Structure formats: C-alpha cells, structure tokens
Amino acid sequence: MPFTLEQERAYRAVQTGCAWQERTDIGYIEVRGADRYTWLQGMVSQDTRLLEAGVLRLPAYFLNATGHILAELMLINVIGAEPYLLLALAKENVPRTLELLDRFLIMEEVELRDVSGEVICFTLQGAGVGAFLEAQPLFSSVLPLPADYTGYGGVEGYLPTERAAKLRSSLESLGIPHIDPMVAEALRIEAGIPSYPQELNESVIAMEADNAATHISFTKGCYVGQEIIARIDSRGHTNRALTGFIGEEGAILPPNSKLYAEEREVGRITSVLSD
C-alpha cells in the first residue's frame, strides 16, 4: 500500500532529518528488589553486571532451555531515590513473559509487576537527530538514550504516561513529522531489524537473529538457554540466519511463504515490504 503524503514526509524526514514516534507497541515489566541484578543475570542473555555498574540501557533475550527466543527485552536502569529495572518488550508478549519469569522466583528479593499502562516510550529517529538535539537541547534530558529502530540512528526516553501529552504537544508544535506504525514497519524492514513475533519467536534460536553482538554476552555465567548458545558459538555457525531478500518485480511473497532452491526448502519470508 503506498504512503499518504504525511507518511511520505515522515519517511523522508528520517533519511535526512528526524521524525518522532510514540511506541504504543511496547509494554513494560517493573523489576524491583535488592536481588534484581543477580536474579536477572541467570534469566537473560546479556550481562546485567553492566547495569549494576551504571549502564542505562541494555538489549537482551529471554530464552527457553533450548536457546529459542521467548522475548526480546530492553533492560532500562531507572536511577533515583528508589531505583529499579524496567523491562521493555512487545506489549502482546508481556503477560506470558511475566508469568514465565515469575516461575523462576524462589527466595530472591525481587518483585515483578506489569506497568504497561503507566509508562510510554517516545523516540526521535533519523540522520539529523544529533543536529536537532543541539538546536533543541531540552529534549536531550527527556530522550537521553541512544536507540536505533530505523537504521538511521536515534534516541528515546521512557516517561510516566501523565507526561506524554506535554511531550507530544512540544514535538508537534515544532512541526516534526510523526512516524506512524506503517512507516515504522517500512523503515524497520529496510534496515533489517528483527522484531517480535515475525523474526523473534520460539522457533528461532537466538544466534540466528543476527544481533548476538548487542544481545548476548559470551563471557557471563550461566543463564537459561546458555548451554545451547555456547555450543553454537564454539561450532562457529548456525544452520539458519536472518537476511534480506528482494523478490523479482511483480512477485507476491506474503509472510510465511517458503523459498525453494532446486526443490529444496531454503528459507521462509517473515516480514514483507511492498511498493
């Protein structure tokens, strides 16, 4: 489906300047308690000691015992009088992930809570985000975290929902184009960024998603699924990998289409972008 004029404006703005998005597709799990770092260390694929040392944003996977992806998480380190961790993930995956994580709580001093209705993420995306923040430094304190959802770079911030209207109004008053879900999906696919549930789901082993460098630590201790990941790492490759694919002009390739070479299945289509 072709873009409207407003969608085209936002799409082009990301390539040359910047545009903003309100991430209504994300949900949140709050993790509080003295054992939050050590407990998560055994749950996720990244090294949570980085958060304990002061890192504010850390991508990771929550895997099952066979190394398959249950959830992609963004671990947000909330610093303040009562510090805690915020797990940002696909909103539709919050209830299941919360239930699974809760099963691993035994004696740890950790409390989990779904706070999806209390938090909102805003992001600025585009090649000109740096220049925009220099001209409008106020936004640097509101959207302080580097975050690239488009391949052009960007920043984001996680706010209480009651502050959303004010920030939204400020961005609109400056005339910055708005990235709607259709534009966001087009930019994501072009950049080759995997997403839940299309590319990141329980049929996919974490190493197949082509972002091990950012989502997986190979030097931390044990965590759920670590044995399989370590075995694949020592072997040096996976049998499958995420990659881009351009069909012939006029070809219709809906999601989940299978690809064949000499009658042998060699892949499948996950996300589709058409003219």
C-alpha atoms as a PDB file:
ATOM      1  CA  MET A   1       0.000   0.000   0.000  1.00  0.00           C
ATOM      2  CA  PRO A   2       1.508   3.375  -0.972  1.00  0.00           C
ATOM      3  CA  PHE A   3       2.190   6.045   1.650  1.00  0.00           C
ATOM      4  CA  THR A   4      -0.023   9.052   2.180  1.00  0.00           C
ATOM      5  CA  LEU A   5       1.636  12.458   1.852  1.00  0.00           C
ATOM      6  CA  GLU A   6       2.095  12.671   5.637  1.00  0.00           C
ATOM      7  CA  GLN A   7       3.618   9.201   5.789  1.00  0.00           C
ATOM      8  CA  GLU A   8       5.956  10.011   2.903  1.00  0.00           C
ATOM      9  CA  ARG A   9       7.036  13.187   4.718  1.00  0.00           C
ATOM     10  CA  ALA A  10       7.891  11.231   7.872  1.00  0.00           C
ATOM     11  CA  TYR A  11       9.711   8.531   5.899  1.00  0.00           C
ATOM     12  CA  ARG A  12      11.875  11.119   4.095  1.00  0.00           C
ATOM     13  CA  ALA A  13      12.439  13.080   7.312  1.00  0.00           C
ATOM     14  CA  VAL A  14      14.097  10.048   8.916  1.00  0.00           C
ATOM     15  CA  GLN A  15      16.505   9.793   5.982  1.00  0.00           C
ATOM     16  CA  THR A  16      17.565  13.443   6.048  1.00  0.00           C
ATOM     17  CA  GLY A  17      16.442  14.955   9.370  1.00  0.00           C
ATOM     18  CA  CYS A  18      14.346  13.427  12.112  1.00  0.00           C
ATOM     19  CA  ALA A  19      10.823  12.306  12.972  1.00  0.00           C
ATOM     20  CA  TRP A  20       9.210  11.166  16.194  1.00  0.00           C
ATOM     21  CA  GLN A  21       7.293   8.101  17.269  1.00  0.00           C
ATOM     22  CA  GLU A  22       5.216   7.197  20.295  1.00  0.00           C
ATOM     23  CA  ARG A  23       5.924   3.494  20.882  1.00  0.00           C
ATOM     24  CA  THR A  24       2.445   2.243  21.725  1.00  0.00           C
ATOM     25  CA  ASP A  25       3.550  -1.251  20.695  1.00  0.00           C
ATOM     26  CA  ILE A  26       5.773  -1.649  23.781  1.00  0.00           C
ATOM     27  CA  GLY A  27       4.748  -2.965  27.196  1.00  0.00           C
ATOM     28  CA  TYR A  28       6.699  -2.939  30.443  1.00  0.00           C
ATOM     29  CA  ILE A  29       7.546  -5.145  33.403  1.00  0.00           C
ATOM     30  CA  GLU A  30       8.894  -3.442  36.521  1.00  0.00           C
ATOM     31  CA  VAL A  31      11.580  -5.346  38.448  1.00  0.00           C
ATOM     32  CA  ARG A  32      12.219  -4.124  41.989  1.00  0.00           C
ATOM     33  CA  GLY A  33      14.186  -5.538  44.903  1.00  0.00           C
ATOM     34  CA  ALA A  34      17.743  -5.905  46.160  1.00  0.00           C
ATOM     35  CA  ASP A  35      18.356  -9.061  44.086  1.00  0.00           C
ATOM     36  CA  ARG A  36      17.111  -7.660  40.779  1.00  0.00           C
ATOM     37  CA  TYR A  37      20.533  -7.660  39.058  1.00  0.00           C
ATOM     38  CA  THR A  38      21.743 -11.059  40.281  1.00  0.00           C
ATOM     39  CA  TRP A  39      18.394 -12.730  39.613  1.00  0.00           C
ATOM     40  CA  LEU A  40      18.163 -11.353  36.072  1.00  0.00           C
ATOM     41  CA  GLN A  41      21.768 -12.433  35.476  1.00  0.00           C
ATOM     42  CA  GLY A  42      20.508 -16.011  35.472  1.00  0.00           C
ATOM     43  CA  MET A  43      17.481 -15.199  33.325  1.00  0.00           C
ATOM     44  CA  VAL A  44      18.695 -13.190  30.329  1.00  0.00           C
ATOM     45  CA  SER A  45      21.386 -13.444  27.670  1.00  0.00           C
ATOM     46  CA  GLN A  46      23.180 -10.188  28.495  1.00  0.00           C
ATOM     47  CA  ASP A  47      25.444  -9.390  31.442  1.00  0.00           C
ATOM     48  CA  THR A  48      23.351  -7.477  33.972  1.00  0.00           C
ATOM     49  CA  ARG A  49      26.507  -6.522  35.870  1.00  0.00           C
ATOM     50  CA  LEU A  50      26.764  -3.782  33.237  1.00  0.00           C
ATOM     51  CA  LEU A  51      23.521  -2.329  34.572  1.00  0.00           C
ATOM     52  CA  GLU A  52      24.786  -2.615  38.122  1.00  0.00           C
ATOM     53  CA  ALA A  53      27.863  -0.655  37.026  1.00  0.00           C
ATOM     54  CA  GLY A  54      25.679   2.167  35.687  1.00  0.00           C
ATOM     55  CA  VAL A  55      24.746   1.285  32.075  1.00  0.00           C
ATOM     56  CA  LEU A  56      21.255   2.675  31.463  1.00  0.00           C
ATOM     57  CA  ARG A  57      20.006   0.619  28.509  1.00  0.00           C
ATOM     58  CA  LEU A  58      20.869  -2.974  27.615  1.00  0.00           C
ATOM     59  CA  PRO A  59      19.234  -5.225  24.989  1.00  0.00           C
ATOM     60  CA  ALA A  60      18.878  -8.917  25.812  1.00  0.00           C
ATOM     61  CA  TYR A  61      16.906 -12.082  25.158  1.00  0.00           C
ATOM     62  CA  PHE A  62      14.862 -14.217  27.495  1.00  0.00           C
ATOM     63  CA  LEU A  63      15.308 -17.758  26.162  1.00  0.00           C
ATOM     64  CA  ASN A  64      13.964 -21.206  26.851  1.00  0.00           C
ATOM     65  CA  ALA A  65      16.212 -24.131  27.799  1.00  0.00           C
ATOM     66  CA  THR A  66      16.935 -24.911  24.135  1.00  0.00           C
ATOM     67  CA  GLY A  67      18.114 -21.377  23.321  1.00  0.00           C
ATOM     68  CA  HIS A  68      14.974 -20.330  21.466  1.00  0.00           C
ATOM     69  CA  ILE A  69      13.631 -16.792  21.877  1.00  0.00           C
ATOM     70  CA  LEU A  70      10.756 -16.256  24.291  1.00  0.00           C
ATOM     71  CA  ALA A  71      11.118 -12.468  24.372  1.00  0.00           C
ATOM     72  CA  GLU A  72      13.380  -9.663  23.223  1.00  0.00           C
ATOM     73  CA  LEU A  73      13.913  -7.306  26.156  1.00  0.00           C
ATOM     74  CA  MET A  74      15.270  -3.820  26.565  1.00  0.00           C
ATOM     75  CA  LEU A  75      16.583  -3.561  30.126  1.00  0.00           C
ATOM     76  CA  ILE A  76      16.228   0.020  31.353  1.00  0.00           C
ATOM     77  CA  ASN A  77      18.109   1.019  34.503  1.00  0.00           C
ATOM     78  CA  VAL A  78      15.915   3.547  36.335  1.00  0.00           C
ATOM     79  CA  ILE A  79      18.092   5.542  38.719  1.00  0.00           C
ATOM     80  CA  GLY A  80      16.604   7.574  41.550  1.00  0.00           C
ATOM     81  CA  ALA A  81      15.652   7.540  45.198  1.00  0.00           C
ATOM     82  CA  GLU A  82      14.085   4.090  44.694  1.00  0.00           C
ATOM     83  CA  PRO A  83      15.996   2.545  41.754  1.00  0.00           C
ATOM     84  CA  TYR A  84      14.528  -0.342  39.772  1.00  0.00           C
ATOM     85  CA  LEU A  85      14.724  -2.024  36.370  1.00  0.00           C
ATOM     86  CA  LEU A  86      12.206  -1.663  33.579  1.00  0.00           C
ATOM     87  CA  LEU A  87      11.886  -4.464  31.042  1.00  0.00           C
ATOM     88  CA  ALA A  88      10.534  -3.104  27.752  1.00  0.00           C
ATOM     89  CA  LEU A  89       9.181  -5.671  25.292  1.00  0.00           C
ATOM     90  CA  ALA A  90       6.419  -6.235  22.757  1.00  0.00           C
ATOM     91  CA  LYS A  91       3.165  -5.359  24.539  1.00  0.00           C
ATOM     92  CA  GLU A  92       1.423  -8.520  23.346  1.00  0.00           C
ATOM     93  CA  ASN A  93       4.184 -10.616  24.944  1.00  0.00           C
ATOM     94  CA  VAL A  94       4.043  -9.034  28.407  1.00  0.00           C
ATOM     95  CA  PRO A  95       1.532 -11.359  30.148  1.00  0.00           C
ATOM     96  CA  ARG A  96       3.268 -14.557  29.032  1.00  0.00           C
ATOM     97  CA  THR A  97       6.759 -13.253  29.804  1.00  0.00           C
ATOM     98  CA  LEU A  98       5.685 -12.025  33.230  1.00  0.00           C
ATOM     99  CA  GLU A  99       4.178 -15.423  34.035  1.00  0.00           C
ATOM    100  CA  LEU A 100       7.307 -17.290  32.901  1.00  0.00           C
ATOM    101  CA  LEU A 101       9.691 -15.009  34.791  1.00  0.00           C
ATOM    102  CA  ASP A 102       7.590 -15.298  37.923  1.00  0.00           C
ATOM    103  CA  ARG A 103       8.055 -19.076  37.872  1.00  0.00           C
ATOM    104  CA  PHE A 104      11.808 -18.587  38.343  1.00  0.00           C
ATOM    105  CA  LEU A 105      11.349 -16.560  41.534  1.00  0.00           C
ATOM    106  CA  ILE A 106      12.059 -18.713  44.570  1.00  0.00           C
ATOM    107  CA  MET A 107      13.756 -16.999  47.523  1.00  0.00           C
ATOM    108  CA  GLU A 108      15.071 -13.909  45.733  1.00  0.00           C
ATOM    109  CA  GLU A 109      14.167 -10.444  46.953  1.00  0.00           C
ATOM    110  CA  VAL A 110      12.531  -9.422  43.667  1.00  0.00           C
ATOM    111  CA  GLU A 111       9.085  -8.103  42.822  1.00  0.00           C
ATOM    112  CA  LEU A 112       7.621  -8.150  39.309  1.00  0.00           C
ATOM    113  CA  ARG A 113       4.740  -6.002  38.091  1.00  0.00           C
ATOM    114  CA  ASP A 114       3.116  -5.230  34.746  1.00  0.00           C
ATOM    115  CA  VAL A 115       3.298  -1.435  34.405  1.00  0.00           C
ATOM    116  CA  SER A 116       2.381  -1.209  30.718  1.00  0.00           C
ATOM    117  CA  GLY A 117      -0.334   1.337  31.424  1.00  0.00           C
ATOM    118  CA  GLU A 118       1.976   3.578  33.449  1.00  0.00           C
ATOM    119  CA  VAL A 119       4.912   4.073  31.064  1.00  0.00           C
ATOM    120  CA  ILE A 120       5.292   5.310  27.482  1.00  0.00           C
ATOM    121  CA  CYS A 121       8.307   5.414  25.181  1.00  0.00           C
ATOM    122  CA  PHE A 122       8.963   8.309  22.798  1.00  0.00           C
ATOM    123  CA  THR A 123      11.712   8.142  20.210  1.00  0.00           C
ATOM    124  CA  LEU A 124      13.332  10.510  17.718  1.00  0.00           C
ATOM    125  CA  GLN A 125      14.717   8.721  14.679  1.00  0.00           C
ATOM    126  CA  GLY A 126      16.778   9.954  11.755  1.00  0.00           C
ATOM    127  CA  ALA A 127      20.085  11.043  10.325  1.00  0.00           C
ATOM    128  CA  GLY A 128      19.583  14.559  11.704  1.00  0.00           C
ATOM    129  CA  VAL A 129      18.767  13.698  15.329  1.00  0.00           C
ATOM    130  CA  GLY A 130      22.146  14.953  16.562  1.00  0.00           C
ATOM    131  CA  ALA A 131      21.708  18.338  14.910  1.00  0.00           C
ATOM    132  CA  PHE A 132      18.157  18.588  16.231  1.00  0.00           C
ATOM    133  CA  LEU A 133      19.266  17.944  19.819  1.00  0.00           C
ATOM    134  CA  GLU A 134      21.973  20.594  19.507  1.00  0.00           C
ATOM    135  CA  ALA A 135      19.333  23.098  18.406  1.00  0.00           C
ATOM    136  CA  GLN A 136      16.756  21.886  20.951  1.00  0.00           C
ATOM    137  CA  PRO A 137      18.868  20.725  23.941  1.00  0.00           C
ATOM    138  CA  LEU A 138      15.803  20.432  26.178  1.00  0.00           C
ATOM    139  CA  PHE A 139      14.935  17.141  24.500  1.00  0.00           C
ATOM    140  CA  SER A 140      18.326  15.640  25.389  1.00  0.00           C
ATOM    141  CA  SER A 141      17.218  15.315  29.011  1.00  0.00           C
ATOM    142  CA  VAL A 142      13.829  13.853  28.068  1.00  0.00           C
ATOM    143  CA  LEU A 143      15.063  11.457  25.354  1.00  0.00           C
ATOM    144  CA  PRO A 144      18.573  10.633  26.609  1.00  0.00           C
ATOM    145  CA  LEU A 145      19.103   7.031  25.457  1.00  0.00           C
ATOM    146  CA  PRO A 146      20.623   6.047  22.085  1.00  0.00           C
ATOM    147  CA  ALA A 147      18.162   3.863  20.174  1.00  0.00           C
ATOM    148  CA  ASP A 148      18.090   2.914  16.501  1.00  0.00           C
ATOM    149  CA  TYR A 149      14.857   1.449  15.132  1.00  0.00           C
ATOM    150  CA  THR A 150      15.343   2.590  11.526  1.00  0.00           C
ATOM    151  CA  GLY A 151      18.993   2.171  10.559  1.00  0.00           C
ATOM    152  CA  TYR A 152      19.480   5.944  10.658  1.00  0.00           C
ATOM    153  CA  GLY A 153      20.114   6.294  14.395  1.00  0.00           C
ATOM    154  CA  GLY A 154      18.079   7.956  17.099  1.00  0.00           C
ATOM    155  CA  VAL A 155      17.315   8.476  20.773  1.00  0.00           C
ATOM    156  CA  GLU A 156      14.486   7.528  23.106  1.00  0.00           C
ATOM    157  CA  GLY A 157      13.095   8.121  26.577  1.00  0.00           C
ATOM    158  CA  TYR A 158      10.704   6.271  28.911  1.00  0.00           C
ATOM    159  CA  LEU A 159       8.208   8.534  30.663  1.00  0.00           C
ATOM    160  CA  PRO A 160       5.228   8.272  33.014  1.00  0.00           C
ATOM    161  CA  THR A 161       2.090   8.329  30.883  1.00  0.00           C
ATOM    162  CA  GLU A 162       0.910  11.560  32.514  1.00  0.00           C
ATOM    163  CA  ARG A 163       3.868  13.362  30.894  1.00  0.00           C
ATOM    164  CA  ALA A 164       3.103  12.055  27.406  1.00  0.00           C
ATOM    165  CA  ALA A 165       0.656  14.774  26.352  1.00  0.00           C
ATOM    166  CA  LYS A 166       3.110  17.579  27.096  1.00  0.00           C
ATOM    167  CA  LEU A 167       5.967  15.962  25.169  1.00  0.00           C
ATOM    168  CA  ARG A 168       3.677  15.070  22.270  1.00  0.00           C
ATOM    169  CA  SER A 169       2.473  18.663  22.103  1.00  0.00           C
ATOM    170  CA  SER A 170       6.038  20.007  22.143  1.00  0.00           C
ATOM    171  CA  LEU A 171       7.100  17.783  19.261  1.00  0.00           C
ATOM    172  CA  GLU A 172       4.007  18.634  17.218  1.00  0.00           C
ATOM    173  CA  SER A 173       4.473  22.374  17.825  1.00  0.00           C
ATOM    174  CA  LEU A 174       7.928  22.173  16.234  1.00  0.00           C
ATOM    175  CA  GLY A 175       6.454  20.646  13.092  1.00  0.00           C
ATOM    176  CA  ILE A 176       8.422  17.412  13.359  1.00  0.00           C
ATOM    177  CA  PRO A 177       6.850  14.624  11.274  1.00  0.00           C
ATOM    178  CA  HIS A 178       5.224  11.742  13.126  1.00  0.00           C
ATOM    179  CA  ILE A 179       6.198   8.126  12.426  1.00  0.00           C
ATOM    180  CA  ASP A 180       3.046   6.003  12.365  1.00  0.00           C
ATOM    181  CA  PRO A 181       3.106   2.161  12.577  1.00  0.00           C
ATOM    182  CA  MET A 182       3.124   1.723   8.790  1.00  0.00           C
ATOM    183  CA  VAL A 183       6.153   3.994   8.314  1.00  0.00           C
ATOM    184  CA  ALA A 184       7.917   2.452  11.317  1.00  0.00           C
ATOM    185  CA  GLU A 185       7.457  -1.029   9.888  1.00  0.00           C
ATOM    186  CA  ALA A 186       8.762   0.004   6.462  1.00  0.00           C
ATOM    187  CA  LEU A 187      11.890   1.563   7.970  1.00  0.00           C
ATOM    188  CA  ARG A 188      12.456  -1.456  10.216  1.00  0.00           C
ATOM    189  CA  ILE A 189      12.248  -3.931   7.358  1.00  0.00           C
ATOM    190  CA  GLU A 190      14.548  -1.872   5.133  1.00  0.00           C
ATOM    191  CA  ALA A 191      17.086  -1.692   7.963  1.00  0.00           C
ATOM    192  CA  GLY A 192      16.897  -5.459   8.527  1.00  0.00           C
ATOM    193  CA  ILE A 193      15.976  -5.096  12.213  1.00  0.00           C
ATOM    194  CA  PRO A 194      14.244  -8.224  13.575  1.00  0.00           C
ATOM    195  CA  SER A 195      11.041  -7.878  15.577  1.00  0.00           C
ATOM    196  CA  TYR A 196       8.699  -9.975  17.692  1.00  0.00           C
ATOM    197  CA  PRO A 197       6.863 -12.065  16.636  1.00  0.00           C
ATOM    198  CA  GLN A 198       7.839 -12.088  12.963  1.00  0.00           C
ATOM    199  CA  GLU A 199      11.575 -12.811  13.304  1.00  0.00           C
ATOM    200  CA  LEU A 200      11.972 -13.245  17.061  1.00  0.00           C
ATOM    201  CA  ASN A 201       9.878 -16.102  18.401  1.00  0.00           C
ATOM    202  CA  GLU A 202      10.094 -19.563  19.889  1.00  0.00           C
ATOM    203  CA  SER A 203      11.001 -21.140  16.543  1.00  0.00           C
ATOM    204  CA  VAL A 204      14.189 -19.037  16.344  1.00  0.00           C
ATOM    205  CA  ILE A 205      17.431 -19.750  18.192  1.00  0.00           C
ATOM    206  CA  ALA A 206      18.959 -16.509  19.475  1.00  0.00           C
ATOM    207  CA  MET A 207      22.129 -16.855  17.391  1.00  0.00           C
ATOM    208  CA  GLU A 208      20.042 -16.999  14.203  1.00  0.00           C
ATOM    209  CA  ALA A 209      18.708 -13.460  14.649  1.00  0.00           C
ATOM    210  CA  ASP A 210      21.966 -11.752  13.568  1.00  0.00           C
ATOM    211  CA  ASN A 211      22.305  -9.468  16.601  1.00  0.00           C
ATOM    212  CA  ALA A 212      24.372 -11.553  19.006  1.00  0.00           C
ATOM    213  CA  ALA A 213      26.908  -8.718  19.330  1.00  0.00           C
ATOM    214  CA  THR A 214      24.341  -6.494  21.053  1.00  0.00           C
ATOM    215  CA  HIS A 215      22.029  -9.017  22.738  1.00  0.00           C
ATOM    216  CA  ILE A 216      24.274 -11.825  24.008  1.00  0.00           C
ATOM    217  CA  SER A 217      27.226 -11.936  26.399  1.00  0.00           C
ATOM    218  CA  PHE A 218      29.641 -14.817  25.833  1.00  0.00           C
ATOM    219  CA  THR A 219      31.653 -14.114  28.981  1.00  0.00           C
ATOM    220  CA  LYS A 220      28.947 -14.120  31.703  1.00  0.00           C
ATOM    221  CA  GLY A 221      27.911 -17.087  33.807  1.00  0.00           C
ATOM    222  CA  CYS A 222      25.026 -19.459  33.345  1.00  0.00           C
ATOM    223  CA  TYR A 223      21.544 -18.380  32.261  1.00  0.00           C
ATOM    224  CA  VAL A 224      18.529 -20.116  30.792  1.00  0.00           C
ATOM    225  CA  GLY A 225      19.490 -21.405  27.318  1.00  0.00           C
ATOM    226  CA  GLN A 226      23.203 -20.622  27.750  1.00  0.00           C
ATOM    227  CA  GLU A 227      24.414 -24.172  27.062  1.00  0.00           C
ATOM    228  CA  ILE A 228      22.955 -24.206  23.550  1.00  0.00           C
ATOM    229  CA  ILE A 229      24.240 -20.698  22.758  1.00  0.00           C
ATOM    230  CA  ALA A 230      27.756 -21.605  23.927  1.00  0.00           C
ATOM    231  CA  ARG A 231      27.700 -24.780  21.833  1.00  0.00           C
ATOM    232  CA  ILE A 232      26.688 -22.863  18.700  1.00  0.00           C
ATOM    233  CA  ASP A 233      29.347 -20.217  19.397  1.00  0.00           C
ATOM    234  CA  SER A 234      32.072 -22.872  19.670  1.00  0.00           C
ATOM    235  CA  ARG A 235      30.842 -24.505  16.472  1.00  0.00           C
ATOM    236  CA  GLY A 236      31.063 -21.169  14.699  1.00  0.00           C
ATOM    237  CA  HIS A 237      27.786 -21.018  12.786  1.00  0.00           C
ATOM    238  CA  THR A 238      24.061 -21.720  12.719  1.00  0.00           C
ATOM    239  CA  ASN A 239      22.144 -23.606  10.068  1.00  0.00           C
ATOM    240  CA  ARG A 240      19.820 -20.625   9.545  1.00  0.00           C
ATOM    241  CA  ALA A 241      20.294 -16.859   9.600  1.00  0.00           C
ATOM    242  CA  LEU A 242      18.188 -13.757   9.185  1.00  0.00           C
ATOM    243  CA  THR A 243      18.874 -11.943   5.923  1.00  0.00           C
ATOM    244  CA  GLY A 244      17.237  -9.572   3.466  1.00  0.00           C
ATOM    245  CA  PHE A 245      15.570 -10.829   0.304  1.00  0.00           C
ATOM    246  CA  ILE A 246      14.439  -8.864  -2.747  1.00  0.00           C
ATOM    247  CA  GLY A 247      11.906 -10.616  -4.963  1.00  0.00           C
ATOM    248  CA  GLU A 248      11.546 -10.179  -8.668  1.00  0.00           C
ATOM    249  CA  GLU A 249       9.379  -7.277  -9.749  1.00  0.00           C
ATOM    250  CA  GLY A 250       5.748  -8.261  -9.534  1.00  0.00           C
ATOM    251  CA  ALA A 251       6.383 -11.244  -7.277  1.00  0.00           C
ATOM    252  CA  ILE A 252       3.844 -11.755  -4.481  1.00  0.00           C
ATOM    253  CA  LEU A 253       5.577 -13.018  -1.337  1.00  0.00           C
ATOM    254  CA  PRO A 254       3.259 -12.945   1.676  1.00  0.00           C
ATOM    255  CA  PRO A 255       4.653 -13.619   5.148  1.00  0.00           C
ATOM    256  CA  ASN A 256       5.425 -17.294   5.855  1.00  0.00           C
ATOM    257  CA  SER A 257       5.979 -18.024   2.164  1.00  0.00           C
ATOM    258  CA  LYS A 258       8.558 -20.774   1.752  1.00  0.00           C
ATOM    259  CA  LEU A 259      11.568 -20.347  -0.528  1.00  0.00           C
ATOM    260  CA  TYR A 260      12.978 -23.222  -2.563  1.00  0.00           C
ATOM    261  CA  ALA A 261      16.164 -23.899  -4.499  1.00  0.00           C
ATOM    262  CA  GLU A 262      16.132 -26.947  -6.752  1.00  0.00           C
ATOM    263  CA  GLU A 263      13.040 -28.269  -4.931  1.00  0.00           C
ATOM    264  CA  ARG A 264      14.754 -27.964  -1.545  1.00  0.00           C
ATOM    265  CA  GLU A 265      13.324 -25.585   1.034  1.00  0.00           C
ATOM    266  CA  VAL A 266      15.989 -22.988   1.877  1.00  0.00           C
ATOM    267  CA  GLY A 267      14.081 -20.340   3.801  1.00  0.00           C
ATOM    268  CA  ARG A 268      10.843 -18.518   4.512  1.00  0.00           C
ATOM    269  CA  ILE A 269       9.555 -14.971   4.358  1.00  0.00           C
ATOM    270  CA  THR A 270       8.940 -13.265   7.708  1.00  0.00           C
ATOM    271  CA  SER A 271       8.219  -9.547   7.159  1.00  0.00           C
ATOM    272  CA  VAL A 272       7.193  -8.048   3.810  1.00  0.00           C
ATOM    273  CA  LEU A 273       7.530  -4.555   2.371  1.00  0.00           C
ATOM    274  CA  SER A 274       5.834  -3.894  -0.961  1.00  0.00           C
ATOM    275  CA  ASP A 275       5.538  -0.821  -3.158  1.00  0.00           C
END
